[in-house]
Amino acid sequence: MQGEGEAVSRSFQASRWAVLLAVAGLGGWLPAFAHSTAEGFQGGFVSGFTHPLDGWDHVAAMVAVGIWGAFLRQPAIWVLPIVFPVVMALGGALGVLGVPVPLIEPGIAASSMVIGLAILAAWRAPLGSAGLIVGLFAVFHGHAHGAELPHAANPVAYSIGFVISTGLLHLAGIAFGLVVDRPGGRIALRGAGGVIAALGVAFLFGLL
């Protein structure tokens, strides 16, 4: 158990550096687009990056994905936080194109409820089932981001921004989820799942 925990910790450290390097590389890449609405590109990136942080419904669900992945251990600890941004980007494209998707707000609220309850119940779902659940909810989150694309913002930059921001929120959830191997860690995670599920109920009924 200790060896597995150390391996997960090393994987987390490596992933964190990879994300930081990706962000740094993106920062150097942005000026290359100066010939094509530089303000729109960079403004779109900033808008996309900050958009997931503007709503607690988004934050709760994305952190929950990271926690659930850590709870399910390898390979879910990395598969779920990869599935969510990838599918979310596709949902974002649907939103940008104006393709209707029903029940967006209820779907976003349900994501916190369902994933939170999965953590609370300590449900060790098969990887395929967990990936399907995460991917389904990612469509709702992505469509909401895409539909709220700021006027004159670059859609590509905006999408890159909200995908990176989402990945960082997942990493925050994973970091918290790694307490699962510590004394009382499972209880703490299940308690966090209960809080997230309760937030989902509050989001659904417009209490928050």
Protein backbone atom coordinates (compact mmCIF):
# COMPACT_ATOMS: atom_id res chain seq x y z
CA MET A 1 0.00 0.00 0.00
CA GLN A 2 2.82 2.38 0.90
CA GLY A 3 4.64 1.60 -2.36
CA GLU A 4 1.46 2.33 -4.33
CA GLY A 5 0.98 5.59 -2.46
CA GLU A 6 4.55 6.64 -3.23
CA ALA A 7 4.06 5.76 -6.91
CA VAL A 8 0.89 7.84 -7.08
CA SER A 9 2.68 10.72 -5.37
CA ARG A 10 5.51 10.56 -7.91
CA SER A 11 2.99 10.43 -10.77
CA PHE A 12 1.22 13.46 -9.36
CA GLN A 13 4.47 15.42 -9.10
CA ALA A 14 5.39 14.54 -12.68
CA SER A 15 1.95 15.52 -13.94
CA ARG A 16 2.06 18.82 -12.06
CA TRP A 17 5.36 19.72 -13.71
CA ALA A 18 3.98 18.68 -17.09
CA VAL A 19 1.02 21.03 -16.67
CA LEU A 20 3.27 23.89 -15.58
CA LEU A 21 5.54 23.34 -18.57
CA ALA A 22 2.52 23.22 -20.88
CA VAL A 23 1.22 26.51 -19.52
CA ALA A 24 4.67 28.07 -19.82
CA GLY A 25 4.98 26.80 -23.38
CA LEU A 26 1.55 28.18 -24.22
CA GLY A 27 2.61 31.55 -22.85
CA GLY A 28 5.48 31.59 -25.31
CA TRP A 29 3.24 30.40 -28.13
CA LEU A 30 0.61 33.12 -27.82
CA PRO A 31 2.65 35.92 -29.43
CA ALA A 32 2.92 33.84 -32.60
CA PHE A 33 -0.74 34.62 -33.18
CA ALA A 34 -0.23 38.38 -33.01
CA HIS A 35 -0.86 38.68 -36.75
CA SER A 36 -4.38 37.31 -36.27
CA THR A 37 -6.37 39.36 -33.76
CA ALA A 38 -3.79 39.14 -30.99
CA GLU A 39 -6.08 40.83 -28.52
CA GLY A 40 -8.88 38.43 -29.40
CA PHE A 41 -6.62 35.41 -28.97
CA GLN A 42 -5.07 36.43 -25.68
CA GLY A 43 -8.31 37.88 -24.40
CA GLY A 44 -10.03 34.66 -25.39
CA PHE A 45 -7.47 32.60 -23.49
CA VAL A 46 -7.85 34.67 -20.33
CA SER A 47 -11.64 34.56 -20.58
CA GLY A 48 -11.60 30.81 -21.10
CA PHE A 49 -9.12 30.23 -18.29
CA THR A 50 -11.13 32.22 -15.75
CA HIS A 51 -14.59 31.05 -16.85
CA PRO A 52 -14.58 27.71 -14.97
CA LEU A 53 -13.51 29.59 -11.83
CA ASP A 54 -16.47 31.97 -11.99
CA GLY A 55 -19.08 29.42 -10.96
CA TRP A 56 -18.98 27.13 -7.93
CA ASP A 57 -21.06 24.58 -9.83
CA HIS A 58 -18.21 24.13 -12.31
CA VAL A 59 -15.50 24.16 -9.66
CA ALA A 60 -17.24 21.58 -7.45
CA ALA A 61 -17.77 19.13 -10.31
CA MET A 62 -14.25 19.43 -11.67
CA VAL A 63 -12.62 18.98 -8.28
CA ALA A 64 -14.95 16.03 -7.68
CA VAL A 65 -13.67 14.33 -10.84
CA GLY A 66 -10.12 14.55 -9.52
CA ILE A 67 -11.12 13.24 -6.08
CA TRP A 68 -13.07 10.32 -7.55
CA GLY A 69 -10.18 9.44 -9.85
CA ALA A 70 -7.76 9.41 -6.89
CA PHE A 71 -10.24 7.33 -4.90
CA LEU A 72 -10.48 4.78 -7.72
CA ARG A 73 -6.66 4.72 -8.01
CA GLN A 74 -4.69 3.76 -11.12
CA PRO A 75 -5.47 4.12 -13.96
CA ALA A 76 -8.62 6.11 -13.19
CA ILE A 77 -6.62 8.75 -11.32
CA TRP A 78 -5.38 9.99 -14.70
CA VAL A 79 -7.96 8.63 -17.13
CA LEU A 80 -10.92 10.54 -15.66
CA PRO A 81 -9.13 13.94 -15.59
CA ILE A 82 -8.17 13.37 -19.23
CA VAL A 83 -11.60 12.23 -20.42
CA PHE A 84 -13.36 15.23 -18.86
CA PRO A 85 -11.40 18.06 -20.60
CA VAL A 86 -11.32 16.24 -23.94
CA VAL A 87 -15.08 15.65 -24.03
CA MET A 88 -15.68 19.10 -22.53
CA ALA A 89 -13.82 20.66 -25.45
CA LEU A 90 -16.17 18.83 -27.83
CA GLY A 91 -19.15 20.10 -25.86
CA GLY A 92 -17.65 23.58 -26.02
CA ALA A 93 -17.49 23.33 -29.79
CA LEU A 94 -21.19 22.49 -29.85
CA GLY A 95 -21.88 25.54 -27.73
CA VAL A 96 -19.82 27.83 -29.97
CA LEU A 97 -21.65 26.51 -33.04
CA GLY A 98 -25.02 27.03 -31.38
CA VAL A 99 -25.96 23.33 -31.46
CA PRO A 100 -28.70 22.91 -28.83
CA VAL A 101 -28.16 20.51 -25.95
CA PRO A 102 -31.10 20.15 -23.54
CA LEU A 103 -31.00 20.50 -19.76
CA ILE A 104 -27.60 22.18 -19.54
CA GLU A 105 -28.00 23.71 -16.07
CA PRO A 106 -29.67 20.64 -14.52
CA GLY A 107 -26.94 18.50 -16.09
CA ILE A 108 -24.21 20.65 -14.53
CA ALA A 109 -25.89 20.45 -11.12
CA ALA A 110 -26.40 16.70 -11.52
CA SER A 111 -22.68 16.24 -12.17
CA SER A 112 -21.85 17.42 -8.65
CA MET A 113 -24.65 15.34 -7.15
CA VAL A 114 -23.82 12.09 -8.94
CA ILE A 115 -20.03 12.22 -8.63
CA GLY A 116 -20.30 13.51 -5.07
CA LEU A 117 -22.60 10.61 -4.16
CA ALA A 118 -20.21 8.16 -5.84
CA ILE A 119 -17.42 9.42 -3.59
CA LEU A 120 -19.67 9.41 -0.52
CA ALA A 121 -20.74 5.81 -1.22
CA ALA A 122 -17.11 4.79 -1.92
CA TRP A 123 -18.35 3.37 -5.24
CA ARG A 124 -15.48 1.68 -7.02
CA ALA A 125 -17.06 1.86 -10.44
CA PRO A 126 -15.43 0.02 -13.36
CA LEU A 127 -13.20 2.32 -15.38
CA GLY A 128 -15.52 2.25 -18.39
CA SER A 129 -18.56 3.19 -16.31
CA ALA A 130 -16.70 5.96 -14.49
CA GLY A 131 -15.37 7.32 -17.80
CA LEU A 132 -18.86 7.26 -19.34
CA ILE A 133 -20.36 9.16 -16.39
CA VAL A 134 -17.59 11.76 -16.40
CA GLY A 135 -17.75 12.15 -20.18
CA LEU A 136 -21.52 12.61 -20.17
CA PHE A 137 -21.37 15.43 -17.64
CA ALA A 138 -18.41 16.99 -19.43
CA VAL A 139 -20.68 17.67 -22.41
CA PHE A 140 -22.93 19.89 -20.27
CA HIS A 141 -20.02 21.81 -18.77
CA GLY A 142 -18.34 22.25 -22.15
CA HIS A 143 -21.51 23.42 -23.89
CA ALA A 144 -22.08 26.03 -21.17
CA HIS A 145 -18.54 27.36 -21.65
CA GLY A 146 -18.86 27.45 -25.43
CA ALA A 147 -22.28 29.08 -25.45
CA GLU A 148 -20.94 31.88 -23.24
CA LEU A 149 -18.01 32.68 -25.53
CA PRO A 150 -17.31 36.42 -25.15
CA HIS A 151 -17.99 38.61 -28.17
CA ALA A 152 -14.96 38.87 -30.49
CA ALA A 153 -12.94 36.35 -28.43
CA ASN A 154 -10.93 33.74 -30.31
CA PRO A 155 -12.78 30.41 -29.91
CA VAL A 156 -9.58 28.34 -30.09
CA ALA A 157 -7.83 30.41 -27.42
CA TYR A 158 -10.95 30.40 -25.28
CA SER A 159 -11.18 26.60 -25.50
CA ILE A 160 -7.50 26.17 -24.64
CA GLY A 161 -7.98 28.44 -21.65
CA PHE A 162 -10.94 26.60 -20.14
CA VAL A 163 -9.39 23.17 -20.80
CA ILE A 164 -6.17 24.12 -18.98
CA SER A 165 -8.12 25.67 -16.12
CA THR A 166 -10.23 22.53 -15.86
CA GLY A 167 -7.11 20.36 -15.78
CA LEU A 168 -5.70 22.37 -12.90
CA LEU A 169 -8.96 21.98 -10.97
CA HIS A 170 -8.76 18.24 -11.56
CA LEU A 171 -5.20 18.26 -10.20
CA ALA A 172 -6.44 20.05 -7.10
CA GLY A 173 -8.99 17.28 -6.61
CA ILE A 174 -6.34 14.61 -7.15
CA ALA A 175 -4.04 16.28 -4.63
CA PHE A 176 -6.82 16.18 -2.04
CA GLY A 177 -7.77 12.65 -3.05
CA LEU A 178 -4.29 11.35 -2.26
CA VAL A 179 -5.14 11.51 1.44
CA VAL A 180 -7.07 8.27 0.85
CA ASP A 181 -4.09 6.25 2.10
CA ARG A 182 -3.63 8.32 5.26
CA PRO A 183 -5.33 7.58 8.58
CA GLY A 184 -8.88 8.82 8.31
CA GLY A 185 -8.35 9.65 4.65
CA ARG A 186 -11.28 7.59 3.35
CA ILE A 187 -13.60 9.23 5.85
CA ALA A 188 -12.38 12.70 4.82
CA LEU A 189 -12.91 11.93 1.13
CA ARG A 190 -16.36 10.48 1.67
CA GLY A 191 -17.26 13.54 3.72
CA ALA A 192 -16.06 15.76 0.88
CA GLY A 193 -18.21 13.73 -1.51
CA GLY A 194 -21.23 14.37 0.69
CA VAL A 195 -20.52 18.11 0.70
CA ILE A 196 -20.16 18.15 -3.10
CA ALA A 197 -23.40 16.19 -3.53
CA ALA A 198 -25.20 18.66 -1.23
CA LEU A 199 -23.83 21.54 -3.27
CA GLY A 200 -25.21 19.85 -6.38
CA VAL A 201 -28.66 19.75 -4.82
CA ALA A 202 -28.35 23.44 -3.92
CA PHE A 203 -27.28 24.27 -7.49
CA LEU A 204 -30.20 22.30 -8.90
CA PHE A 205 -32.78 24.16 -6.86
CA GLY A 206 -31.13 27.55 -7.32
CA LEU A 207 -30.11 27.91 -3.69
CA LEU A 208 -26.57 28.92 -4.66
